[in-house]
Each structure stands twice: as structure tokens, then as C-alpha cells.
Amino acid sequence: MRCLIFLFVALTSGCIAAPAARTTVGVSAVSDPSGDDFLASELRTAVEPLAMARETHERPVDVGLGYFVQTPEAGRPRRQGPFLSFGVHLWQRPWRKGWMRFSLRTYGELFAQDVKLRRSPWGSGVAIAASFEAALWVRGASAGARSLAAYAGAVYGEAGFGVELASGYRHIGDGVGSDLWTTTLSFVLRTPSVVGIGIAGGLFR
């Protein structure tokens, strides 16, 4: 009987789990030595484990592992790939139930170009960024049931926003367009860890 109950829950339930993350969304001015300048949108998302514990909210550094996508104007190749980040908080002070920080952060990138068209020469890049952020510490849980479903969930970590200005260099292949310099202005969003589960079906009618 227990096996049947377990099987029913496994087949009718949904689960979500997301770690604390830092996301930036911005616009990049891109140029190369040949004078070919253009604009691109850029999205970065990184898991930052030190933001998951309340005891580390006054930490001096942050480390992250993430993925970025740079989408340029039409007709130009898209670039995307994983990156590592390391940030040093030069100034911070308490703010409500959280903090405000001014930080310097470095990025190390490995990326592919024009993956969609299956032309994927690998490249690498580095960037340095200055950011100002404000965030609150959030912690909460909720649960409930409806006629066709039950749910439970919890959030834990830092939630906040900020701005970032980054300057970077990317190299890929040879020839024109192989060396790119970028300046990126971004909006920063911090999201806490989220864990949730839902069970659907007629069990609760």
C-alpha cells in the first residue's frame, strides 16, 4: 500500500528548487580595432552560494558560477557560455533588514559563437565591473490545499536590486571581429533560494 501511495505522489506531484542567484540584464556597446561598433543586449545569471546563509550577509566577498548570453543587432553572431565570478565588497552598511554594498567584481568567460547556426568556435573573455546593490534578507514558508491540489513552499536568502557598469575583452578565432571590447550597463536582480512542491489530483475533494 505504501508503494502505491508513493507512486501516486511521484506521478502527480511537481517540484521546484532554485538556489540563490544574481542576474544582470543590460545593454553593451561593443567595438573592435577595425572600428566595427554595435550594440548588444546581455544577460547573466549566476548561482552565488554565499548568499544562501544569513550568517554570511556581512561577507567581504562573493563567488559565482553562471551562464551569459550576448545578443547583438540583427545579422551578427550571438555569443553565450559559462563564466566564473569573484566579487569584493569594498563598502557596505546595514539597510533595514539587509544591506547596501559597493563592490568590484571580475568575470572569467568561456563562450561559443553563433551556436544556433552550428558554427561554434570557442572563445574566452574577461571583465571587471563596479556595482551598487541594496538587498533584504527574506525568509518564509507557506502551505495550503485546494479541491484539486495541495502545495508547500519556502524562500530563504537575499532579495534585492542594483546597477552595474562593466568593461570587458573577448577574443575568438582570427581576423576581423576576433577581438571585441565591451562596455555594459546593467540592472542587477538578486533572488533568494526557493523550494516548492505541489500535488495535483482529486485527492483533496
N, C-alpha and C. Protein backbone atom coordinates (compact mmCIF):
# COMPACT_ATOMS: atom_id res chain seq x y z
N MET A 1 0.83 -1.20 0.00
CA MET A 1 0.00 0.00 0.00
C MET A 1 0.87 1.26 0.00
N ARG A 2 1.92 1.26 0.82
CA ARG A 2 2.82 2.41 0.85
C ARG A 2 3.47 2.66 -0.50
N CYS A 3 3.80 1.58 -1.19
CA CYS A 3 4.40 1.72 -2.52
C CYS A 3 3.43 2.39 -3.49
N LEU A 4 2.15 2.04 -3.40
CA LEU A 4 1.15 2.64 -4.28
C LEU A 4 0.98 4.13 -3.98
N ILE A 5 0.99 4.48 -2.69
CA ILE A 5 0.88 5.89 -2.33
C ILE A 5 2.08 6.67 -2.84
N PHE A 6 3.28 6.11 -2.67
CA PHE A 6 4.49 6.77 -3.14
C PHE A 6 4.46 6.97 -4.65
N LEU A 7 4.00 5.94 -5.38
CA LEU A 7 3.92 6.02 -6.83
C LEU A 7 2.93 7.10 -7.26
N PHE A 8 1.79 7.19 -6.55
CA PHE A 8 0.80 8.19 -6.88
C PHE A 8 1.36 9.60 -6.69
N VAL A 9 2.04 9.83 -5.58
CA VAL A 9 2.62 11.15 -5.31
C VAL A 9 3.68 11.49 -6.35
N ALA A 10 4.51 10.52 -6.70
CA ALA A 10 5.58 10.76 -7.68
C ALA A 10 5.03 11.14 -9.04
N LEU A 11 3.89 10.51 -9.42
CA LEU A 11 3.33 10.74 -10.74
C LEU A 11 2.50 12.01 -10.82
N THR A 12 1.98 12.48 -9.71
CA THR A 12 1.06 13.61 -9.73
C THR A 12 1.62 14.87 -9.08
N SER A 13 2.86 14.84 -8.66
CA SER A 13 3.43 15.99 -7.97
C SER A 13 4.38 16.75 -8.86
N GLY A 14 4.56 18.02 -8.53
CA GLY A 14 5.54 18.85 -9.20
C GLY A 14 6.44 19.48 -8.16
N CYS A 15 7.71 19.62 -8.49
CA CYS A 15 8.67 20.15 -7.52
C CYS A 15 9.54 21.20 -8.20
N ILE A 16 9.84 22.27 -7.46
CA ILE A 16 10.73 23.29 -7.97
C ILE A 16 11.75 23.63 -6.90
N ALA A 17 12.99 23.78 -7.31
CA ALA A 17 14.06 24.15 -6.39
C ALA A 17 15.04 25.05 -7.15
N ALA A 18 15.30 26.23 -6.61
CA ALA A 18 16.23 27.17 -7.24
C ALA A 18 17.12 27.79 -6.18
N PRO A 19 18.43 27.78 -6.37
CA PRO A 19 19.34 28.38 -5.39
C PRO A 19 19.35 29.90 -5.49
N ALA A 20 19.96 30.54 -4.50
CA ALA A 20 20.11 31.99 -4.54
C ALA A 20 20.93 32.39 -5.77
N ALA A 21 20.48 33.41 -6.48
CA ALA A 21 21.11 33.78 -7.74
C ALA A 21 21.22 35.29 -7.89
N ARG A 22 22.17 35.69 -8.70
CA ARG A 22 22.35 37.10 -9.07
C ARG A 22 22.25 37.20 -10.59
N THR A 23 21.33 38.03 -11.07
CA THR A 23 21.08 38.17 -12.50
C THR A 23 21.29 39.62 -12.91
N THR A 24 21.95 39.81 -14.04
CA THR A 24 22.10 41.14 -14.61
C THR A 24 21.52 41.15 -16.02
N VAL A 25 20.82 42.23 -16.34
CA VAL A 25 20.24 42.44 -17.67
C VAL A 25 20.68 43.81 -18.13
N GLY A 26 21.37 43.87 -19.27
CA GLY A 26 21.90 45.17 -19.67
C GLY A 26 22.10 45.34 -21.16
N VAL A 27 22.67 46.49 -21.51
CA VAL A 27 22.98 46.85 -22.90
C VAL A 27 24.48 47.07 -23.01
N SER A 28 25.09 46.47 -24.04
CA SER A 28 26.53 46.56 -24.25
C SER A 28 26.85 47.38 -25.49
N ALA A 29 27.85 48.23 -25.37
CA ALA A 29 28.46 48.88 -26.53
C ALA A 29 29.70 48.06 -26.88
N VAL A 30 29.72 47.48 -28.07
CA VAL A 30 30.78 46.55 -28.49
C VAL A 30 31.58 47.17 -29.63
N SER A 31 32.91 47.03 -29.56
CA SER A 31 33.76 47.56 -30.64
C SER A 31 34.96 46.65 -30.82
N ASP A 32 35.58 46.72 -32.02
CA ASP A 32 36.83 46.01 -32.28
C ASP A 32 37.82 46.98 -32.92
N PRO A 33 39.10 46.61 -33.00
CA PRO A 33 40.11 47.54 -33.54
C PRO A 33 39.84 48.02 -34.95
N SER A 34 39.04 47.30 -35.73
CA SER A 34 38.75 47.73 -37.11
C SER A 34 37.73 48.86 -37.17
N GLY A 35 37.17 49.20 -36.03
CA GLY A 35 36.19 50.28 -36.00
C GLY A 35 34.77 49.83 -36.18
N ASP A 36 34.51 48.54 -36.11
CA ASP A 36 33.16 48.00 -36.25
C ASP A 36 32.48 48.05 -34.88
N ASP A 37 31.59 49.02 -34.70
CA ASP A 37 30.90 49.21 -33.42
C ASP A 37 29.43 48.83 -33.55
N PHE A 38 28.89 48.24 -32.49
CA PHE A 38 27.47 47.87 -32.49
C PHE A 38 26.98 47.72 -31.06
N LEU A 39 25.67 47.61 -30.92
CA LEU A 39 25.04 47.42 -29.61
C LEU A 39 24.55 45.99 -29.47
N ALA A 40 24.49 45.53 -28.23
CA ALA A 40 24.01 44.17 -27.95
C ALA A 40 23.34 44.15 -26.59
N SER A 41 22.37 43.27 -26.44
CA SER A 41 21.80 43.02 -25.11
C SER A 41 22.59 41.90 -24.45
N GLU A 42 22.66 41.93 -23.12
CA GLU A 42 23.44 40.93 -22.42
C GLU A 42 22.71 40.49 -21.14
N LEU A 43 22.65 39.20 -20.96
CA LEU A 43 22.00 38.60 -19.79
C LEU A 43 22.99 37.68 -19.10
N ARG A 44 23.15 37.85 -17.79
CA ARG A 44 23.99 36.96 -16.97
C ARG A 44 23.16 36.46 -15.79
N THR A 45 23.32 35.18 -15.49
CA THR A 45 22.72 34.61 -14.28
C THR A 45 23.74 33.70 -13.62
N ALA A 46 23.95 33.91 -12.32
CA ALA A 46 24.93 33.11 -11.59
C ALA A 46 24.38 32.66 -10.25
N VAL A 47 24.70 31.45 -9.89
CA VAL A 47 24.41 30.95 -8.54
C VAL A 47 25.50 31.46 -7.61
N GLU A 48 25.10 32.11 -6.51
CA GLU A 48 26.06 32.63 -5.54
C GLU A 48 25.78 31.99 -4.18
N PRO A 49 26.48 30.91 -3.85
CA PRO A 49 26.16 30.13 -2.64
C PRO A 49 26.31 30.89 -1.33
N LEU A 50 27.18 31.92 -1.29
CA LEU A 50 27.37 32.66 -0.04
C LEU A 50 26.15 33.52 0.31
N ALA A 51 25.23 33.68 -0.64
CA ALA A 51 24.02 34.45 -0.38
C ALA A 51 22.90 33.59 0.20
N MET A 52 23.18 32.32 0.46
CA MET A 52 22.14 31.41 0.95
C MET A 52 22.04 31.35 2.47
N ALA A 53 23.03 31.89 3.18
CA ALA A 53 23.05 31.78 4.64
C ALA A 53 23.01 33.15 5.28
N ARG A 54 22.15 33.33 6.25
CA ARG A 54 22.03 34.62 6.93
C ARG A 54 23.33 35.00 7.63
N GLU A 55 24.07 34.01 8.09
CA GLU A 55 25.32 34.27 8.81
C GLU A 55 26.38 34.93 7.93
N THR A 56 26.21 34.88 6.61
CA THR A 56 27.22 35.43 5.71
C THR A 56 26.80 36.76 5.09
N HIS A 57 25.74 37.40 5.62
CA HIS A 57 25.26 38.61 4.96
C HIS A 57 26.24 39.77 5.07
N GLU A 58 27.21 39.70 5.99
CA GLU A 58 28.24 40.72 6.08
C GLU A 58 29.57 40.22 5.49
N ARG A 59 29.50 39.27 4.60
CA ARG A 59 30.69 38.68 4.00
C ARG A 59 31.47 39.71 3.18
N PRO A 60 32.78 39.57 3.10
CA PRO A 60 33.59 40.52 2.33
C PRO A 60 33.67 40.19 0.84
N VAL A 61 33.32 38.96 0.45
CA VAL A 61 33.46 38.55 -0.95
C VAL A 61 32.23 37.76 -1.39
N ASP A 62 32.12 37.57 -2.70
CA ASP A 62 31.12 36.70 -3.32
C ASP A 62 31.79 35.91 -4.43
N VAL A 63 31.36 34.68 -4.61
CA VAL A 63 31.80 33.86 -5.74
C VAL A 63 30.57 33.33 -6.45
N GLY A 64 30.67 33.15 -7.76
CA GLY A 64 29.52 32.69 -8.51
C GLY A 64 29.91 31.85 -9.71
N LEU A 65 28.98 31.00 -10.11
CA LEU A 65 29.11 30.18 -11.32
C LEU A 65 27.83 30.38 -12.12
N GLY A 66 27.99 30.81 -13.39
CA GLY A 66 26.78 31.14 -14.13
C GLY A 66 26.93 30.97 -15.63
N TYR A 67 25.98 31.58 -16.34
CA TYR A 67 25.90 31.47 -17.80
C TYR A 67 25.48 32.83 -18.34
N PHE A 68 26.07 33.23 -19.48
CA PHE A 68 25.70 34.52 -20.07
C PHE A 68 25.32 34.34 -21.54
N VAL A 69 24.50 35.26 -22.03
CA VAL A 69 24.10 35.30 -23.44
C VAL A 69 24.20 36.74 -23.90
N GLN A 70 24.96 36.97 -24.97
CA GLN A 70 25.04 38.29 -25.59
C GLN A 70 24.37 38.21 -26.96
N THR A 71 23.32 39.01 -27.14
CA THR A 71 22.56 39.01 -28.39
C THR A 71 22.75 40.35 -29.08
N PRO A 72 23.51 40.40 -30.18
CA PRO A 72 23.78 41.68 -30.86
C PRO A 72 22.66 42.04 -31.84
N GLU A 73 22.91 43.11 -32.57
CA GLU A 73 21.97 43.54 -33.60
C GLU A 73 21.82 42.44 -34.66
N ALA A 74 20.74 42.52 -35.41
CA ALA A 74 20.44 41.51 -36.43
C ALA A 74 21.60 41.33 -37.39
N GLY A 75 21.86 40.08 -37.75
CA GLY A 75 22.92 39.76 -38.70
C GLY A 75 24.27 39.51 -38.08
N ARG A 76 24.38 39.64 -36.78
CA ARG A 76 25.66 39.40 -36.11
C ARG A 76 25.55 38.16 -35.24
N PRO A 77 26.66 37.45 -35.03
CA PRO A 77 26.60 36.20 -34.26
C PRO A 77 26.33 36.44 -32.77
N ARG A 78 25.54 35.56 -32.21
CA ARG A 78 25.28 35.57 -30.77
C ARG A 78 26.41 34.84 -30.06
N ARG A 79 26.71 35.28 -28.84
CA ARG A 79 27.75 34.64 -28.04
C ARG A 79 27.16 34.23 -26.69
N GLN A 80 27.51 33.03 -26.25
CA GLN A 80 26.99 32.55 -24.97
C GLN A 80 27.90 31.47 -24.40
N GLY A 81 27.89 31.35 -23.07
CA GLY A 81 28.71 30.33 -22.43
C GLY A 81 28.78 30.53 -20.92
N PRO A 82 29.49 29.65 -20.24
CA PRO A 82 29.60 29.72 -18.78
C PRO A 82 30.63 30.75 -18.34
N PHE A 83 30.53 31.17 -17.09
CA PHE A 83 31.51 32.09 -16.52
C PHE A 83 31.65 31.86 -15.02
N LEU A 84 32.79 32.28 -14.51
CA LEU A 84 33.04 32.33 -13.07
C LEU A 84 33.16 33.79 -12.66
N SER A 85 32.67 34.11 -11.47
CA SER A 85 32.78 35.48 -10.99
C SER A 85 33.34 35.50 -9.57
N PHE A 86 34.04 36.59 -9.29
CA PHE A 86 34.57 36.80 -7.95
C PHE A 86 34.42 38.28 -7.61
N GLY A 87 33.73 38.57 -6.52
CA GLY A 87 33.47 39.94 -6.15
C GLY A 87 34.02 40.29 -4.78
N VAL A 88 34.50 41.52 -4.64
CA VAL A 88 35.00 42.04 -3.37
C VAL A 88 34.12 43.23 -2.99
N HIS A 89 33.57 43.20 -1.77
CA HIS A 89 32.70 44.27 -1.30
C HIS A 89 33.54 45.33 -0.59
N LEU A 90 33.74 46.44 -1.27
CA LEU A 90 34.62 47.49 -0.75
C LEU A 90 33.94 48.34 0.32
N TRP A 91 32.63 48.46 0.24
CA TRP A 91 31.88 49.26 1.21
C TRP A 91 30.51 48.63 1.41
N GLN A 92 30.09 48.51 2.65
CA GLN A 92 28.75 48.01 2.93
C GLN A 92 28.27 48.54 4.27
N ARG A 93 26.95 48.68 4.36
CA ARG A 93 26.36 49.17 5.60
C ARG A 93 24.96 48.58 5.74
N PRO A 94 24.45 48.46 6.97
CA PRO A 94 23.10 47.91 7.18
C PRO A 94 22.05 48.82 6.54
N TRP A 95 21.01 48.19 6.05
CA TRP A 95 19.87 48.90 5.45
C TRP A 95 18.61 48.11 5.72
N ARG A 96 17.73 48.65 6.59
CA ARG A 96 16.52 47.94 7.01
C ARG A 96 16.90 46.57 7.54
N LYS A 97 16.37 45.49 6.93
CA LYS A 97 16.72 44.14 7.37
C LYS A 97 17.79 43.53 6.47
N GLY A 98 18.51 44.37 5.76
CA GLY A 98 19.51 43.85 4.83
C GLY A 98 20.74 44.74 4.79
N TRP A 99 21.16 45.12 3.58
CA TRP A 99 22.41 45.83 3.43
C TRP A 99 22.43 46.63 2.15
N MET A 100 23.37 47.56 2.06
CA MET A 100 23.74 48.23 0.82
C MET A 100 25.23 47.99 0.62
N ARG A 101 25.63 47.77 -0.64
CA ARG A 101 27.03 47.45 -0.92
C ARG A 101 27.51 48.14 -2.19
N PHE A 102 28.80 48.52 -2.16
CA PHE A 102 29.52 48.90 -3.37
C PHE A 102 30.61 47.86 -3.56
N SER A 103 30.67 47.26 -4.76
CA SER A 103 31.55 46.11 -4.98
C SER A 103 32.30 46.23 -6.30
N LEU A 104 33.44 45.55 -6.35
CA LEU A 104 34.15 45.30 -7.60
C LEU A 104 34.09 43.80 -7.87
N ARG A 105 33.84 43.45 -9.13
CA ARG A 105 33.67 42.04 -9.48
C ARG A 105 34.41 41.74 -10.77
N THR A 106 35.03 40.56 -10.84
CA THR A 106 35.69 40.12 -12.06
C THR A 106 34.94 38.91 -12.64
N TYR A 107 34.97 38.80 -13.95
CA TYR A 107 34.34 37.69 -14.66
C TYR A 107 35.38 37.00 -15.55
N GLY A 108 35.37 35.68 -15.54
CA GLY A 108 36.16 34.89 -16.47
C GLY A 108 35.22 34.03 -17.30
N GLU A 109 35.29 34.12 -18.63
CA GLU A 109 34.29 33.52 -19.51
C GLU A 109 34.89 32.51 -20.49
N LEU A 110 34.10 31.54 -20.83
CA LEU A 110 34.35 30.62 -21.93
C LEU A 110 33.06 30.59 -22.75
N PHE A 111 33.15 30.88 -24.06
CA PHE A 111 31.90 31.02 -24.81
C PHE A 111 32.03 30.47 -26.23
N ALA A 112 30.87 30.21 -26.81
CA ALA A 112 30.77 29.79 -28.21
C ALA A 112 30.05 30.87 -28.99
N GLN A 113 30.38 30.98 -30.26
CA GLN A 113 29.77 31.99 -31.13
C GLN A 113 28.84 31.34 -32.13
N ASP A 114 27.65 31.94 -32.27
CA ASP A 114 26.70 31.51 -33.30
C ASP A 114 26.36 30.03 -33.17
N VAL A 115 26.01 29.61 -31.97
CA VAL A 115 25.67 28.21 -31.72
C VAL A 115 24.47 27.79 -32.55
N LYS A 116 23.52 28.70 -32.75
CA LYS A 116 22.29 28.38 -33.47
C LYS A 116 22.57 27.91 -34.89
N LEU A 117 23.64 28.43 -35.52
CA LEU A 117 23.99 28.06 -36.88
C LEU A 117 25.03 26.94 -36.93
N ARG A 118 25.36 26.39 -35.74
CA ARG A 118 26.32 25.29 -35.64
C ARG A 118 27.72 25.66 -36.10
N ARG A 119 28.05 26.93 -35.99
CA ARG A 119 29.44 27.34 -36.18
C ARG A 119 29.90 27.80 -34.80
N SER A 120 30.66 26.97 -34.13
CA SER A 120 30.90 27.19 -32.71
C SER A 120 32.38 27.25 -32.33
N PRO A 121 33.13 28.18 -32.87
CA PRO A 121 34.50 28.33 -32.36
C PRO A 121 34.45 28.83 -30.93
N TRP A 122 35.27 28.26 -30.08
CA TRP A 122 35.29 28.66 -28.67
C TRP A 122 36.16 29.87 -28.47
N GLY A 123 35.72 30.75 -27.59
CA GLY A 123 36.47 31.94 -27.25
C GLY A 123 36.52 32.12 -25.74
N SER A 124 37.26 33.11 -25.31
CA SER A 124 37.37 33.39 -23.88
C SER A 124 37.30 34.89 -23.66
N GLY A 125 36.97 35.27 -22.45
CA GLY A 125 36.85 36.68 -22.15
C GLY A 125 37.05 36.97 -20.68
N VAL A 126 37.36 38.21 -20.38
CA VAL A 126 37.50 38.69 -19.00
C VAL A 126 36.79 40.03 -18.91
N ALA A 127 36.31 40.36 -17.72
CA ALA A 127 35.66 41.65 -17.50
C ALA A 127 35.83 42.05 -16.04
N ILE A 128 35.78 43.34 -15.81
CA ILE A 128 35.77 43.87 -14.45
C ILE A 128 34.58 44.81 -14.34
N ALA A 129 33.89 44.76 -13.20
CA ALA A 129 32.66 45.52 -13.05
C ALA A 129 32.59 46.18 -11.68
N ALA A 130 31.95 47.34 -11.63
CA ALA A 130 31.64 48.03 -10.38
C ALA A 130 30.13 48.04 -10.22
N SER A 131 29.64 47.74 -9.02
CA SER A 131 28.20 47.66 -8.82
C SER A 131 27.80 48.26 -7.49
N PHE A 132 26.56 48.74 -7.44
CA PHE A 132 25.94 49.20 -6.20
C PHE A 132 24.63 48.43 -6.05
N GLU A 133 24.44 47.80 -4.88
CA GLU A 133 23.26 46.97 -4.66
C GLU A 133 22.65 47.24 -3.30
N ALA A 134 21.36 47.02 -3.20
CA ALA A 134 20.64 47.04 -1.93
C ALA A 134 19.77 45.79 -1.87
N ALA A 135 19.76 45.12 -0.72
CA ALA A 135 19.01 43.87 -0.62
C ALA A 135 18.48 43.67 0.79
N LEU A 136 17.42 42.89 0.89
CA LEU A 136 16.83 42.50 2.16
C LEU A 136 17.00 41.00 2.35
N TRP A 137 17.07 40.60 3.61
CA TRP A 137 17.08 39.18 3.90
C TRP A 137 15.64 38.71 4.02
N VAL A 138 15.27 37.68 3.26
CA VAL A 138 13.90 37.18 3.29
C VAL A 138 13.89 35.72 3.71
N ARG A 139 12.86 35.38 4.46
CA ARG A 139 12.69 34.00 4.91
C ARG A 139 11.21 33.77 5.17
N GLY A 140 10.65 32.74 4.58
CA GLY A 140 9.24 32.47 4.78
C GLY A 140 8.83 31.14 4.20
N ALA A 141 7.67 30.69 4.64
CA ALA A 141 7.12 29.41 4.16
C ALA A 141 5.61 29.51 4.13
N SER A 142 5.00 28.77 3.22
CA SER A 142 3.54 28.73 3.13
C SER A 142 3.11 27.36 2.63
N ALA A 143 1.88 27.01 2.96
CA ALA A 143 1.31 25.73 2.53
C ALA A 143 -0.20 25.86 2.51
N GLY A 144 -0.83 25.02 1.71
CA GLY A 144 -2.28 25.05 1.63
C GLY A 144 -2.81 23.94 0.75
N ALA A 145 -4.12 23.87 0.66
CA ALA A 145 -4.77 22.83 -0.14
C ALA A 145 -6.01 23.41 -0.80
N ARG A 146 -6.28 22.97 -2.02
CA ARG A 146 -7.49 23.31 -2.75
C ARG A 146 -8.18 22.01 -3.11
N SER A 147 -9.29 22.11 -3.81
CA SER A 147 -10.05 20.91 -4.12
C SER A 147 -9.29 19.95 -5.02
N LEU A 148 -8.38 20.48 -5.86
CA LEU A 148 -7.65 19.62 -6.81
C LEU A 148 -6.15 19.61 -6.58
N ALA A 149 -5.67 20.28 -5.54
CA ALA A 149 -4.23 20.33 -5.38
C ALA A 149 -3.84 20.73 -3.96
N ALA A 150 -2.61 20.39 -3.60
CA ALA A 150 -2.01 20.86 -2.36
C ALA A 150 -0.63 21.38 -2.70
N TYR A 151 -0.13 22.33 -1.90
CA TYR A 151 1.16 22.91 -2.20
C TYR A 151 1.86 23.31 -0.90
N ALA A 152 3.18 23.40 -0.98
CA ALA A 152 4.00 23.90 0.12
C ALA A 152 5.26 24.50 -0.49
N GLY A 153 5.75 25.57 0.12
CA GLY A 153 6.93 26.21 -0.43
C GLY A 153 7.64 27.06 0.60
N ALA A 154 8.90 27.41 0.30
CA ALA A 154 9.69 28.23 1.20
C ALA A 154 10.70 29.05 0.41
N VAL A 155 11.02 30.24 0.91
CA VAL A 155 12.07 31.07 0.33
C VAL A 155 13.07 31.41 1.44
N TYR A 156 14.34 31.56 1.06
CA TYR A 156 15.38 31.79 2.06
C TYR A 156 16.59 32.41 1.35
N GLY A 157 16.97 33.61 1.76
CA GLY A 157 18.14 34.22 1.15
C GLY A 157 17.98 35.71 0.93
N GLU A 158 18.80 36.27 0.05
CA GLU A 158 18.80 37.70 -0.22
C GLU A 158 17.96 38.03 -1.44
N ALA A 159 17.17 39.09 -1.33
CA ALA A 159 16.37 39.59 -2.44
C ALA A 159 16.66 41.08 -2.58
N GLY A 160 17.09 41.50 -3.77
CA GLY A 160 17.44 42.89 -3.91
C GLY A 160 17.65 43.31 -5.35
N PHE A 161 18.18 44.52 -5.52
CA PHE A 161 18.37 45.09 -6.85
C PHE A 161 19.55 46.04 -6.82
N GLY A 162 19.98 46.47 -8.01
CA GLY A 162 21.10 47.39 -8.09
C GLY A 162 21.45 47.70 -9.53
N VAL A 163 22.61 48.34 -9.72
CA VAL A 163 23.12 48.67 -11.06
C VAL A 163 24.58 48.24 -11.13
N GLU A 164 25.02 47.95 -12.36
CA GLU A 164 26.40 47.52 -12.56
C GLU A 164 26.94 48.10 -13.86
N LEU A 165 28.19 48.55 -13.82
CA LEU A 165 28.90 49.02 -15.02
C LEU A 165 30.13 48.14 -15.20
N ALA A 166 30.23 47.49 -16.36
CA ALA A 166 31.30 46.53 -16.61
C ALA A 166 32.05 46.89 -17.89
N SER A 167 33.34 46.58 -17.89
CA SER A 167 34.18 46.73 -19.07
C SER A 167 34.92 45.42 -19.29
N GLY A 168 34.91 44.91 -20.54
CA GLY A 168 35.50 43.60 -20.77
C GLY A 168 36.15 43.46 -22.13
N TYR A 169 36.87 42.34 -22.27
CA TYR A 169 37.55 42.00 -23.52
C TYR A 169 37.24 40.54 -23.85
N ARG A 170 36.88 40.27 -25.10
CA ARG A 170 36.59 38.92 -25.56
C ARG A 170 37.38 38.63 -26.83
N HIS A 171 37.93 37.41 -26.90
CA HIS A 171 38.71 37.00 -28.07
C HIS A 171 38.16 35.67 -28.58
N ILE A 172 37.98 35.61 -29.91
CA ILE A 172 37.52 34.37 -30.53
C ILE A 172 38.02 34.30 -31.97
N GLY A 173 38.62 33.18 -32.35
CA GLY A 173 39.07 32.99 -33.73
C GLY A 173 40.18 33.94 -34.13
N ASP A 174 40.26 34.18 -35.46
CA ASP A 174 41.28 35.06 -36.04
C ASP A 174 40.62 36.01 -37.02
N GLY A 175 41.33 37.08 -37.33
CA GLY A 175 40.85 38.02 -38.33
C GLY A 175 39.95 39.09 -37.75
N VAL A 176 39.21 39.77 -38.66
CA VAL A 176 38.33 40.87 -38.27
C VAL A 176 37.23 40.36 -37.33
N GLY A 177 37.03 41.05 -36.25
CA GLY A 177 35.98 40.65 -35.31
C GLY A 177 36.42 39.66 -34.26
N SER A 178 37.70 39.29 -34.27
CA SER A 178 38.16 38.31 -33.29
C SER A 178 38.44 38.93 -31.93
N ASP A 179 38.70 40.24 -31.89
CA ASP A 179 38.95 40.95 -30.63
C ASP A 179 37.83 41.95 -30.40
N LEU A 180 37.14 41.80 -29.30
CA LEU A 180 35.99 42.65 -29.01
C LEU A 180 36.14 43.29 -27.63
N TRP A 181 35.86 44.59 -27.57
CA TRP A 181 35.85 45.32 -26.31
C TRP A 181 34.41 45.69 -26.00
N THR A 182 34.00 45.47 -24.77
CA THR A 182 32.61 45.72 -24.40
C THR A 182 32.52 46.64 -23.18
N THR A 183 31.51 47.50 -23.19
CA THR A 183 31.13 48.30 -22.03
C THR A 183 29.65 48.07 -21.81
N THR A 184 29.29 47.59 -20.62
CA THR A 184 27.93 47.15 -20.37
C THR A 184 27.35 47.81 -19.13
N LEU A 185 26.16 48.39 -19.30
CA LEU A 185 25.41 48.95 -18.18
C LEU A 185 24.22 48.03 -17.93
N SER A 186 24.10 47.54 -16.68
CA SER A 186 23.10 46.51 -16.38
C SER A 186 22.28 46.83 -15.13
N PHE A 187 21.09 46.29 -15.12
CA PHE A 187 20.25 46.25 -13.92
C PHE A 187 20.52 44.93 -13.22
N VAL A 188 20.69 44.97 -11.89
CA VAL A 188 21.02 43.78 -11.11
C VAL A 188 19.80 43.34 -10.31
N LEU A 189 19.54 42.04 -10.31
CA LEU A 189 18.45 41.47 -9.53
C LEU A 189 18.97 40.28 -8.73
N ARG A 190 18.79 40.32 -7.43
CA ARG A 190 19.12 39.18 -6.56
C ARG A 190 17.84 38.46 -6.16
N THR A 191 17.85 37.13 -6.27
CA THR A 191 16.69 36.34 -5.90
C THR A 191 17.10 35.28 -4.87
N PRO A 192 16.24 35.01 -3.87
CA PRO A 192 16.59 34.05 -2.83
C PRO A 192 16.40 32.61 -3.28
N SER A 193 16.84 31.69 -2.45
CA SER A 193 16.59 30.27 -2.71
C SER A 193 15.10 29.99 -2.59
N VAL A 194 14.59 29.15 -3.48
CA VAL A 194 13.17 28.80 -3.49
C VAL A 194 13.03 27.29 -3.57
N VAL A 195 12.18 26.73 -2.72
CA VAL A 195 11.86 25.31 -2.76
C VAL A 195 10.36 25.17 -2.65
N GLY A 196 9.76 24.38 -3.54
CA GLY A 196 8.31 24.21 -3.52
C GLY A 196 7.90 22.86 -4.06
N ILE A 197 6.74 22.40 -3.64
CA ILE A 197 6.19 21.14 -4.14
C ILE A 197 4.67 21.26 -4.22
N GLY A 198 4.11 20.70 -5.27
CA GLY A 198 2.66 20.68 -5.43
C GLY A 198 2.18 19.29 -5.79
N ILE A 199 1.03 18.91 -5.27
CA ILE A 199 0.43 17.61 -5.56
C ILE A 199 -0.94 17.84 -6.17
N ALA A 200 -1.13 17.32 -7.38
CA ALA A 200 -2.38 17.52 -8.09
C ALA A 200 -3.19 16.24 -8.09
N GLY A 201 -4.48 16.40 -8.35
CA GLY A 201 -5.36 15.24 -8.43
C GLY A 201 -6.63 15.48 -7.63
N GLY A 202 -7.46 14.49 -7.56
CA GLY A 202 -8.73 14.62 -6.86
C GLY A 202 -8.67 14.18 -5.42
N LEU A 203 -7.47 14.04 -4.87
CA LEU A 203 -7.29 13.51 -3.54
C LEU A 203 -7.91 14.40 -2.47
N PHE A 204 -8.01 15.74 -2.76
CA PHE A 204 -8.42 16.68 -1.72
C PHE A 204 -9.86 17.14 -1.88
N ARG A 205 -10.65 16.52 -2.72
CA ARG A 205 -12.04 16.90 -2.88
C ARG A 205 -12.88 16.34 -1.74
